[in-house]
Amino acid sequence: MSKVSIAFDVLHALAVKGMAQAGPLAVSSGVSGDELNEELARITEEGLANHMAGRGLWRITPDGRAKHAQLLHEQLTDDTRQRLRPLYEQFLPLNTTFKETCTRWQIRGGAANDHTDTAYDQGLIGELGEIHAAAAGLIGRLAQVAARFGRYADRLADALTRVRGGEVKAFTGVLNESYHDIWMELHKDLLLSLDIDRATEEARQN
């Protein structure tokens, strides 16, 4: 992996996450070990990220976001964005279905789902499997446009395996590489790539 690729992949992962520890950044960026540590040290020294040593977290700075926007603009040509746009439009209805499924996983009958009804949960896990099958095909097409999208396929597959194995938090948990965590990163990656404001997108859909 070239230094240019490492520089972009690490900063892009941090731009998508906002803040993260080294482990999750390695998973998201595909950069690990000494290469990741060296790049994190470099972007911290250059003021593109802040390191909160006590929590082991790196957080992107305003300068980091500006640098990331520049690098992303250089990487994505108009033709690339034109190829991504229809795939993003295909993602939106799938995203709506996924969010509705997540809500029913979390809330049942106006109260928090206590996950004691195995049949109810298994039905939703089955729905997640169907969503995943559709998402896998879409991500494959996204990866043909920008290779980094391919990493989401393996991460989502791993999360689905954990859900099917009985790990309740692997469905909609927060900051634990849950299916929902990864899906939200995929969504944000698309928004950043197409320079779409989330508030504008939500207003268009409502």
Protein backbone atom coordinates (compact mmCIF):
# COMPACT_ATOMS: atom_id res chain seq x y z
CA MET A 1 0.00 0.00 0.00
CA SER A 2 1.44 3.38 -1.01
CA LYS A 3 1.96 6.23 1.47
CA VAL A 4 -0.57 8.31 -0.48
CA SER A 5 -3.17 5.55 -0.17
CA ILE A 6 -2.44 5.09 3.53
CA ALA A 7 -2.74 8.84 4.15
CA PHE A 8 -6.13 8.99 2.46
CA ASP A 9 -7.54 5.77 3.90
CA VAL A 10 -6.70 6.67 7.51
CA LEU A 11 -7.95 10.25 7.27
CA HIS A 12 -11.07 9.10 5.43
CA ALA A 13 -11.87 6.52 8.11
CA LEU A 14 -11.46 9.20 10.75
CA ALA A 15 -13.64 11.63 8.78
CA VAL A 16 -16.39 9.02 8.57
CA LYS A 17 -16.15 8.06 12.25
CA GLY A 18 -15.42 11.50 13.71
CA MET A 19 -13.42 9.89 16.49
CA ALA A 20 -12.17 6.39 17.13
CA GLN A 21 -9.53 4.23 18.76
CA ALA A 22 -6.77 2.64 16.72
CA GLY A 23 -8.47 -0.78 16.52
CA PRO A 24 -11.67 0.40 14.84
CA LEU A 25 -9.67 2.71 12.59
CA ALA A 26 -7.60 -0.25 11.43
CA VAL A 27 -10.76 -2.17 10.54
CA SER A 28 -12.34 0.77 8.73
CA SER A 29 -9.24 1.94 6.87
CA GLY A 30 -7.60 -1.38 6.07
CA VAL A 31 -4.36 0.03 7.52
CA SER A 32 -2.90 -1.57 10.64
CA GLY A 33 0.26 -2.07 12.70
CA ASP A 34 3.21 0.26 12.34
CA GLU A 35 1.77 1.88 9.21
CA LEU A 36 -1.35 2.95 11.10
CA ASN A 37 0.59 4.16 14.14
CA GLU A 38 2.97 6.18 11.98
CA GLU A 39 0.09 7.78 10.04
CA LEU A 40 -1.83 8.64 13.21
CA ALA A 41 1.30 10.25 14.64
CA ARG A 42 1.80 12.22 11.43
CA ILE A 43 -1.73 13.60 11.16
CA THR A 44 -1.70 14.47 14.86
CA GLU A 45 1.58 16.38 14.45
CA GLU A 46 0.14 18.21 11.44
CA GLY A 47 -2.99 19.24 13.36
CA LEU A 48 -5.34 17.10 11.31
CA ALA A 49 -6.34 15.06 14.36
CA ASN A 50 -6.27 15.35 18.15
CA HIS A 51 -5.12 12.44 20.28
CA MET A 52 -6.93 11.97 23.59
CA ALA A 53 -4.36 9.70 25.17
CA GLY A 54 -6.36 8.95 28.30
CA ARG A 55 -9.14 7.37 26.23
CA GLY A 56 -6.94 6.13 23.41
CA LEU A 57 -9.02 8.14 20.93
CA TRP A 58 -8.18 10.14 17.84
CA ARG A 59 -10.58 12.88 16.75
CA ILE A 60 -10.51 14.68 13.42
CA THR A 61 -10.03 18.46 13.61
CA PRO A 62 -11.56 21.18 11.39
CA ASP A 63 -8.23 21.31 9.53
CA GLY A 64 -8.44 17.53 9.15
CA ARG A 65 -11.90 17.77 7.64
CA ALA A 66 -10.71 20.44 5.21
CA LYS A 67 -7.73 18.30 4.20
CA HIS A 68 -9.96 15.25 3.83
CA ALA A 69 -12.38 17.17 1.59
CA GLN A 70 -9.44 18.20 -0.59
CA LEU A 71 -8.11 14.64 -0.86
CA LEU A 72 -11.57 13.24 -1.56
CA HIS A 73 -12.16 15.83 -4.28
CA GLU A 74 -8.86 14.88 -5.90
CA GLN A 75 -9.69 11.19 -5.77
CA LEU A 76 -13.27 11.34 -7.05
CA THR A 77 -13.61 12.67 -10.58
CA ASP A 78 -16.90 13.94 -11.97
CA ASP A 79 -17.23 10.64 -13.82
CA THR A 80 -16.77 8.69 -10.58
CA ARG A 81 -19.45 10.71 -8.84
CA GLN A 82 -21.78 10.21 -11.79
CA ARG A 83 -21.30 6.46 -11.42
CA LEU A 84 -21.83 6.60 -7.65
CA ARG A 85 -25.01 8.71 -7.79
CA PRO A 86 -27.43 6.07 -9.16
CA LEU A 87 -26.03 3.52 -6.71
CA TYR A 88 -26.68 5.95 -3.89
CA GLU A 89 -30.26 6.35 -5.11
CA GLN A 90 -30.60 2.57 -4.92
CA PHE A 91 -29.24 2.67 -1.37
CA LEU A 92 -31.88 5.10 -0.08
CA PRO A 93 -34.96 2.80 -0.11
CA LEU A 94 -32.83 0.01 1.34
CA ASN A 95 -31.73 2.43 4.05
CA THR A 96 -35.36 3.22 4.88
CA THR A 97 -36.17 -0.48 5.21
CA PHE A 98 -33.11 -1.04 7.39
CA LYS A 99 -34.00 1.82 9.74
CA GLU A 100 -37.55 0.49 10.14
CA THR A 101 -36.19 -2.97 10.95
CA CYS A 102 -33.80 -1.49 13.51
CA THR A 103 -36.67 0.37 15.19
CA ARG A 104 -38.67 -2.85 15.54
CA TRP A 105 -35.59 -4.58 16.94
CA GLN A 106 -35.27 -1.91 19.61
CA ILE A 107 -38.94 -1.12 20.32
CA ARG A 108 -41.91 -3.49 20.53
CA GLY A 109 -45.43 -2.40 21.47
CA GLY A 110 -44.23 1.03 22.60
CA ALA A 111 -41.64 -0.40 25.01
CA ALA A 112 -38.04 -1.50 24.76
CA ASN A 113 -37.68 -4.94 23.22
CA ASP A 114 -36.37 -7.20 25.98
CA HIS A 115 -35.43 -9.89 23.44
CA THR A 116 -37.18 -12.65 25.35
CA ASP A 117 -39.45 -13.53 22.41
CA THR A 118 -37.16 -15.68 20.30
CA ALA A 119 -39.63 -16.01 17.43
CA TYR A 120 -40.04 -12.23 17.18
CA ASP A 121 -36.29 -11.63 17.16
CA GLN A 122 -35.64 -14.43 14.69
CA GLY A 123 -38.14 -12.88 12.31
CA LEU A 124 -36.24 -9.60 12.40
CA ILE A 125 -32.91 -11.38 11.98
CA GLY A 126 -34.40 -13.01 8.90
CA GLU A 127 -35.34 -9.56 7.58
CA LEU A 128 -31.81 -8.35 8.28
CA GLY A 129 -30.50 -11.27 6.26
CA GLU A 130 -32.64 -10.19 3.29
CA ILE A 131 -31.44 -6.60 3.63
CA HIS A 132 -27.88 -7.84 3.80
CA ALA A 133 -28.24 -9.86 0.61
CA ALA A 134 -29.45 -6.77 -1.23
CA ALA A 135 -26.77 -4.58 0.35
CA ALA A 136 -24.01 -7.03 -0.56
CA GLY A 137 -24.87 -6.78 -4.23
CA LEU A 138 -25.02 -2.99 -4.05
CA ILE A 139 -21.71 -2.76 -2.20
CA GLY A 140 -20.13 -4.95 -4.84
CA ARG A 141 -21.16 -2.41 -7.46
CA LEU A 142 -19.95 0.47 -5.30
CA ALA A 143 -16.57 -1.24 -4.92
CA GLN A 144 -16.23 -1.36 -8.69
CA VAL A 145 -16.36 2.44 -8.63
CA ALA A 146 -14.25 3.02 -5.48
CA ALA A 147 -12.47 0.00 -4.02
CA ARG A 148 -12.71 1.18 -0.40
CA PHE A 149 -16.45 0.42 -0.35
CA GLY A 150 -15.58 -3.26 -0.56
CA ARG A 151 -14.43 -3.25 3.08
CA TYR A 152 -18.00 -2.65 4.20
CA ALA A 153 -19.08 -6.02 2.78
CA ASP A 154 -16.82 -8.06 5.07
CA ARG A 155 -17.58 -5.92 8.09
CA LEU A 156 -21.35 -6.19 7.62
CA ALA A 157 -21.07 -9.94 7.04
CA ASP A 158 -19.13 -10.32 10.30
CA ALA A 159 -21.74 -8.28 12.19
CA LEU A 160 -24.56 -10.38 10.73
CA THR A 161 -22.78 -13.55 11.85
CA ARG A 162 -22.59 -12.15 15.37
CA VAL A 163 -26.30 -11.27 15.32
CA ARG A 164 -27.20 -14.75 14.15
CA GLY A 165 -24.99 -16.14 16.89
CA GLY A 166 -27.12 -14.46 19.55
CA GLU A 167 -25.18 -11.24 20.19
CA VAL A 168 -28.06 -8.81 20.70
CA LYS A 169 -25.90 -5.67 20.59
CA ALA A 170 -24.39 -6.68 17.24
CA PHE A 171 -27.66 -5.58 15.58
CA THR A 172 -28.06 -1.96 16.76
CA GLY A 173 -25.42 -1.47 19.46
CA VAL A 174 -23.37 1.71 19.56
CA LEU A 175 -19.61 1.86 19.07
CA ASN A 176 -19.20 -1.91 19.03
CA GLU A 177 -18.92 -2.58 15.26
CA SER A 178 -22.61 -3.47 15.17
CA TYR A 179 -24.47 -3.86 11.89
CA HIS A 180 -26.04 -0.45 12.54
CA ASP A 181 -22.65 1.16 13.27
CA ILE A 182 -21.20 -0.09 10.00
CA TRP A 183 -24.32 0.74 7.99
CA MET A 184 -24.22 4.33 9.28
CA GLU A 185 -20.58 4.60 8.23
CA LEU A 186 -21.46 3.35 4.75
CA HIS A 187 -24.23 5.95 4.54
CA LYS A 188 -21.92 8.74 5.68
CA ASP A 189 -19.23 7.59 3.23
CA LEU A 190 -21.73 7.96 0.40
CA LEU A 191 -22.81 11.40 1.61
CA LEU A 192 -19.21 12.59 1.82
CA SER A 193 -18.34 11.11 -1.55
CA LEU A 194 -21.25 12.86 -3.25
CA ASP A 195 -20.95 16.06 -1.16
CA ILE A 196 -24.52 15.70 0.10
CA ASP A 197 -25.64 17.41 3.29
CA ARG A 198 -27.53 14.97 5.54
CA ALA A 199 -30.14 17.57 6.55
CA THR A 200 -30.81 18.36 2.90
CA GLU A 201 -31.17 14.67 2.13
CA GLU A 202 -33.63 14.11 4.98
CA ALA A 203 -35.72 17.11 3.91
CA ARG A 204 -35.88 15.70 0.36
CA GLN A 205 -37.09 12.32 1.62
CA ASN A 206 -39.79 13.72 3.91
